[in-house]
Structures are given as structure tokens and as C-alpha cells.
Amino acid sequence: MVIWKYELQHRDRQKVSMPVASELLSVADQRGTLCLWAMVDPTNTNKVERDIEIIGTGNPIPDGRRSFIGTVVIGPLVWHVFERFE
């Protein structure tokens, strides 16, 4: 197992491809970039698209199931990052 970093876009939802059974660990600002870290098995060639949702403070939260990953402050903006489940 290793920890990999995934750079996220500043948009409401996005898919992030990673090995199956990866564990999402945290999110943070790294030099102005919103990043997600996950523990992955790099030998696992089976990939899955994880549905990542970013909700700014004060914005409405859409209906749906989600799991909280973390909160990130970048300048004046505060982002709350979730994995969304359909």
C-alpha cells in the first residue's frame, strides 16, 4: 500500500479514477491546489471512478448520500469535500 495524491478541480462534482478498494484519507490545500490523498494498492490494475463533491460554506446541500472527507480553506473560500454515493 502507498499514499497517492489526486489534484481536484474547483467544481461541484467530479470523478476521480483510482484502484478499487482505495481508502480516502484527507483533503488539503497544497500551494493553492485542492488535493485529495488516498491509500491505494498500486499493483491493483482494477480502477473505479469515485464521485467527489465539493460544497462551499453557505451553499445548499443537494439531496443524496455522501461521506465527509474533510474541510479545506483556500484564501477566503471554505470547501467541504465529500464522496457521493448514488
N, C-alpha and C. Protein backbone atom coordinates (compact mmCIF):
# COMPACT_ATOMS: atom_id res chain seq x y z
N MET A 1 0.84 -1.18 0.00
CA MET A 1 0.00 0.00 0.00
C MET A 1 0.89 1.25 0.00
N VAL A 2 0.41 2.28 -0.68
CA VAL A 2 1.09 3.58 -0.73
C VAL A 2 0.03 4.67 -0.67
N ILE A 3 0.47 5.89 -0.44
CA ILE A 3 -0.46 7.02 -0.46
C ILE A 3 -0.21 7.81 -1.73
N TRP A 4 -1.29 8.05 -2.48
CA TRP A 4 -1.24 8.84 -3.70
C TRP A 4 -2.03 10.12 -3.51
N LYS A 5 -1.59 11.15 -4.23
CA LYS A 5 -2.27 12.45 -4.20
C LYS A 5 -3.03 12.63 -5.52
N TYR A 6 -4.24 13.16 -5.41
CA TYR A 6 -5.07 13.48 -6.57
C TYR A 6 -5.43 14.96 -6.50
N GLU A 7 -5.12 15.73 -7.53
CA GLU A 7 -5.49 17.13 -7.57
C GLU A 7 -6.95 17.25 -8.00
N LEU A 8 -7.71 18.06 -7.27
CA LEU A 8 -9.14 18.25 -7.56
C LEU A 8 -9.36 19.58 -8.25
N GLN A 9 -10.37 19.63 -9.09
CA GLN A 9 -10.81 20.87 -9.72
C GLN A 9 -11.77 21.58 -8.77
N HIS A 10 -11.87 22.89 -8.88
CA HIS A 10 -12.81 23.66 -8.05
C HIS A 10 -14.16 23.67 -8.76
N ARG A 11 -14.88 22.55 -8.68
CA ARG A 11 -16.24 22.46 -9.23
C ARG A 11 -17.07 21.55 -8.34
N ASP A 12 -18.38 21.62 -8.52
CA ASP A 12 -19.30 20.93 -7.61
C ASP A 12 -19.07 19.42 -7.52
N ARG A 13 -18.90 18.76 -8.68
CA ARG A 13 -18.72 17.30 -8.69
C ARG A 13 -17.70 16.92 -9.74
N GLN A 14 -17.00 15.83 -9.45
CA GLN A 14 -16.04 15.31 -10.41
C GLN A 14 -15.77 13.84 -10.09
N LYS A 15 -15.32 13.11 -11.08
CA LYS A 15 -14.95 11.70 -10.92
C LYS A 15 -13.43 11.62 -10.80
N VAL A 16 -12.99 10.80 -9.87
CA VAL A 16 -11.56 10.57 -9.68
C VAL A 16 -11.32 9.07 -9.82
N SER A 17 -10.49 8.69 -10.76
CA SER A 17 -10.19 7.28 -11.02
C SER A 17 -9.04 6.84 -10.12
N MET A 18 -9.26 5.72 -9.42
CA MET A 18 -8.22 5.17 -8.55
C MET A 18 -8.42 3.66 -8.43
N PRO A 19 -7.41 2.94 -7.94
CA PRO A 19 -7.56 1.49 -7.79
C PRO A 19 -8.74 1.13 -6.88
N VAL A 20 -9.41 0.03 -7.21
CA VAL A 20 -10.52 -0.47 -6.40
C VAL A 20 -10.03 -0.68 -4.97
N ALA A 21 -10.90 -0.41 -4.01
CA ALA A 21 -10.65 -0.59 -2.57
C ALA A 21 -9.67 0.43 -1.99
N SER A 22 -9.43 1.53 -2.69
CA SER A 22 -8.60 2.60 -2.13
C SER A 22 -9.34 3.26 -0.97
N GLU A 23 -8.60 3.72 0.01
CA GLU A 23 -9.19 4.38 1.17
C GLU A 23 -8.91 5.88 1.10
N LEU A 24 -9.98 6.68 1.04
CA LEU A 24 -9.82 8.13 1.03
C LEU A 24 -9.39 8.58 2.42
N LEU A 25 -8.32 9.37 2.47
CA LEU A 25 -7.73 9.76 3.75
C LEU A 25 -8.04 11.19 4.17
N SER A 26 -7.75 12.15 3.28
CA SER A 26 -7.92 13.56 3.65
C SER A 26 -7.86 14.45 2.43
N VAL A 27 -8.22 15.71 2.65
CA VAL A 27 -8.10 16.75 1.63
C VAL A 27 -7.40 17.94 2.27
N ALA A 28 -6.68 18.72 1.44
CA ALA A 28 -6.00 19.90 1.95
C ALA A 28 -5.61 20.79 0.78
N ASP A 29 -5.21 22.01 1.13
CA ASP A 29 -4.66 22.95 0.17
C ASP A 29 -3.16 22.70 0.08
N GLN A 30 -2.66 22.50 -1.13
CA GLN A 30 -1.22 22.39 -1.34
C GLN A 30 -0.82 23.43 -2.37
N ARG A 31 -0.23 24.53 -1.90
CA ARG A 31 0.20 25.63 -2.76
C ARG A 31 -0.93 26.12 -3.68
N GLY A 32 -2.12 26.30 -3.12
CA GLY A 32 -3.26 26.82 -3.87
C GLY A 32 -4.05 25.80 -4.65
N THR A 33 -3.68 24.52 -4.55
CA THR A 33 -4.39 23.45 -5.25
C THR A 33 -5.12 22.59 -4.23
N LEU A 34 -6.38 22.31 -4.49
CA LEU A 34 -7.17 21.43 -3.64
C LEU A 34 -6.77 19.99 -3.96
N CYS A 35 -6.25 19.27 -2.95
CA CYS A 35 -5.73 17.92 -3.16
C CYS A 35 -6.44 16.91 -2.25
N LEU A 36 -6.57 15.69 -2.77
CA LEU A 36 -7.14 14.55 -2.06
C LEU A 36 -6.05 13.50 -1.95
N TRP A 37 -5.90 12.91 -0.77
CA TRP A 37 -4.95 11.82 -0.58
C TRP A 37 -5.71 10.54 -0.29
N ALA A 38 -5.22 9.45 -0.87
CA ALA A 38 -5.84 8.14 -0.69
C ALA A 38 -4.77 7.07 -0.53
N MET A 39 -5.07 6.07 0.29
CA MET A 39 -4.20 4.92 0.42
C MET A 39 -4.62 3.92 -0.64
N VAL A 40 -3.69 3.54 -1.50
CA VAL A 40 -4.01 2.69 -2.65
C VAL A 40 -3.05 1.51 -2.73
N ASP A 41 -3.50 0.47 -3.41
CA ASP A 41 -2.64 -0.65 -3.76
C ASP A 41 -2.22 -0.43 -5.20
N PRO A 42 -0.99 0.01 -5.45
CA PRO A 42 -0.58 0.35 -6.82
C PRO A 42 -0.50 -0.86 -7.75
N THR A 43 -0.52 -2.06 -7.19
CA THR A 43 -0.49 -3.26 -8.05
C THR A 43 -1.89 -3.64 -8.53
N ASN A 44 -2.92 -3.02 -7.96
CA ASN A 44 -4.30 -3.31 -8.36
C ASN A 44 -4.62 -2.53 -9.63
N THR A 45 -4.73 -3.24 -10.74
CA THR A 45 -4.99 -2.58 -12.02
C THR A 45 -6.47 -2.33 -12.26
N ASN A 46 -7.34 -2.87 -11.39
CA ASN A 46 -8.78 -2.60 -11.49
C ASN A 46 -9.05 -1.22 -10.93
N LYS A 47 -9.66 -0.36 -11.74
CA LYS A 47 -9.92 1.02 -11.35
C LYS A 47 -11.41 1.24 -11.10
N VAL A 48 -11.68 2.24 -10.28
CA VAL A 48 -13.05 2.66 -10.01
C VAL A 48 -13.08 4.18 -10.06
N GLU A 49 -14.21 4.72 -10.50
CA GLU A 49 -14.42 6.18 -10.52
C GLU A 49 -15.11 6.57 -9.23
N ARG A 50 -14.43 7.36 -8.39
CA ARG A 50 -15.03 7.84 -7.15
C ARG A 50 -15.67 9.19 -7.43
N ASP A 51 -16.88 9.39 -6.94
CA ASP A 51 -17.65 10.61 -7.18
C ASP A 51 -17.38 11.58 -6.04
N ILE A 52 -16.60 12.62 -6.32
CA ILE A 52 -16.21 13.60 -5.31
C ILE A 52 -17.05 14.86 -5.47
N GLU A 53 -17.59 15.33 -4.36
CA GLU A 53 -18.47 16.51 -4.35
C GLU A 53 -17.85 17.58 -3.45
N ILE A 54 -17.86 18.82 -3.93
CA ILE A 54 -17.32 19.94 -3.16
C ILE A 54 -18.44 20.95 -2.95
N ILE A 55 -18.67 21.29 -1.69
CA ILE A 55 -19.75 22.22 -1.33
C ILE A 55 -19.15 23.37 -0.54
N GLY A 56 -19.34 24.57 -1.03
CA GLY A 56 -18.84 25.75 -0.33
C GLY A 56 -19.72 26.10 0.85
N THR A 57 -19.13 26.69 1.87
CA THR A 57 -19.89 27.14 3.04
C THR A 57 -21.01 28.08 2.58
N GLY A 58 -22.22 27.85 3.10
CA GLY A 58 -23.37 28.68 2.77
C GLY A 58 -24.14 28.22 1.54
N ASN A 59 -23.58 27.29 0.77
CA ASN A 59 -24.28 26.78 -0.41
C ASN A 59 -25.24 25.66 -0.02
N PRO A 60 -26.34 25.51 -0.76
CA PRO A 60 -27.28 24.43 -0.45
C PRO A 60 -26.63 23.06 -0.66
N ILE A 61 -27.05 22.10 0.14
CA ILE A 61 -26.55 20.73 0.03
C ILE A 61 -27.59 19.91 -0.73
N PRO A 62 -27.22 19.39 -1.91
CA PRO A 62 -28.18 18.60 -2.68
C PRO A 62 -28.56 17.32 -1.94
N ASP A 63 -29.75 16.80 -2.26
CA ASP A 63 -30.16 15.51 -1.72
C ASP A 63 -29.17 14.44 -2.16
N GLY A 64 -29.05 13.39 -1.38
CA GLY A 64 -28.19 12.27 -1.75
C GLY A 64 -27.35 11.79 -0.58
N ARG A 65 -26.80 10.60 -0.75
CA ARG A 65 -25.93 10.02 0.27
C ARG A 65 -24.50 10.44 0.01
N ARG A 66 -23.78 10.77 1.06
CA ARG A 66 -22.38 11.18 0.93
C ARG A 66 -21.64 10.88 2.21
N SER A 67 -20.32 10.80 2.09
CA SER A 67 -19.44 10.59 3.22
C SER A 67 -18.44 11.74 3.27
N PHE A 68 -18.32 12.37 4.42
CA PHE A 68 -17.45 13.53 4.60
C PHE A 68 -15.98 13.11 4.55
N ILE A 69 -15.17 13.85 3.77
CA ILE A 69 -13.73 13.60 3.72
C ILE A 69 -12.99 14.67 4.52
N GLY A 70 -13.36 15.95 4.32
CA GLY A 70 -12.69 17.00 5.06
C GLY A 70 -13.07 18.38 4.59
N THR A 71 -12.59 19.39 5.33
CA THR A 71 -12.83 20.80 5.02
C THR A 71 -11.48 21.46 4.71
N VAL A 72 -11.49 22.31 3.67
CA VAL A 72 -10.26 22.96 3.23
C VAL A 72 -10.53 24.46 3.08
N VAL A 73 -9.62 25.28 3.61
CA VAL A 73 -9.69 26.73 3.45
C VAL A 73 -8.61 27.13 2.45
N ILE A 74 -9.04 27.80 1.37
CA ILE A 74 -8.11 28.33 0.38
C ILE A 74 -8.44 29.81 0.22
N GLY A 75 -7.59 30.66 0.78
CA GLY A 75 -7.88 32.09 0.77
C GLY A 75 -9.16 32.36 1.53
N PRO A 76 -10.09 33.12 0.91
CA PRO A 76 -11.33 33.43 1.60
C PRO A 76 -12.40 32.33 1.47
N LEU A 77 -12.10 31.28 0.70
CA LEU A 77 -13.09 30.23 0.43
C LEU A 77 -12.91 29.04 1.35
N VAL A 78 -14.05 28.46 1.76
CA VAL A 78 -14.04 27.27 2.59
C VAL A 78 -14.82 26.19 1.86
N TRP A 79 -14.14 25.10 1.56
CA TRP A 79 -14.72 23.98 0.80
C TRP A 79 -14.91 22.78 1.72
N HIS A 80 -16.04 22.09 1.59
CA HIS A 80 -16.33 20.88 2.34
C HIS A 80 -16.40 19.76 1.29
N VAL A 81 -15.56 18.76 1.43
CA VAL A 81 -15.38 17.74 0.40
C VAL A 81 -15.97 16.42 0.88
N PHE A 82 -16.74 15.79 -0.02
CA PHE A 82 -17.45 14.55 0.28
C PHE A 82 -17.24 13.54 -0.85
N GLU A 83 -17.39 12.25 -0.51
CA GLU A 83 -17.58 11.26 -1.56
C GLU A 83 -19.08 11.03 -1.63
N ARG A 84 -19.59 11.09 -2.84
CA ARG A 84 -21.03 10.95 -3.06
C ARG A 84 -21.34 9.55 -3.54
N PHE A 85 -22.47 9.01 -3.08
CA PHE A 85 -22.92 7.68 -3.48
C PHE A 85 -24.28 7.78 -4.13
N GLU A 86 -24.46 7.12 -5.23
CA GLU A 86 -25.76 7.14 -5.93
C GLU A 86 -26.62 5.99 -5.47
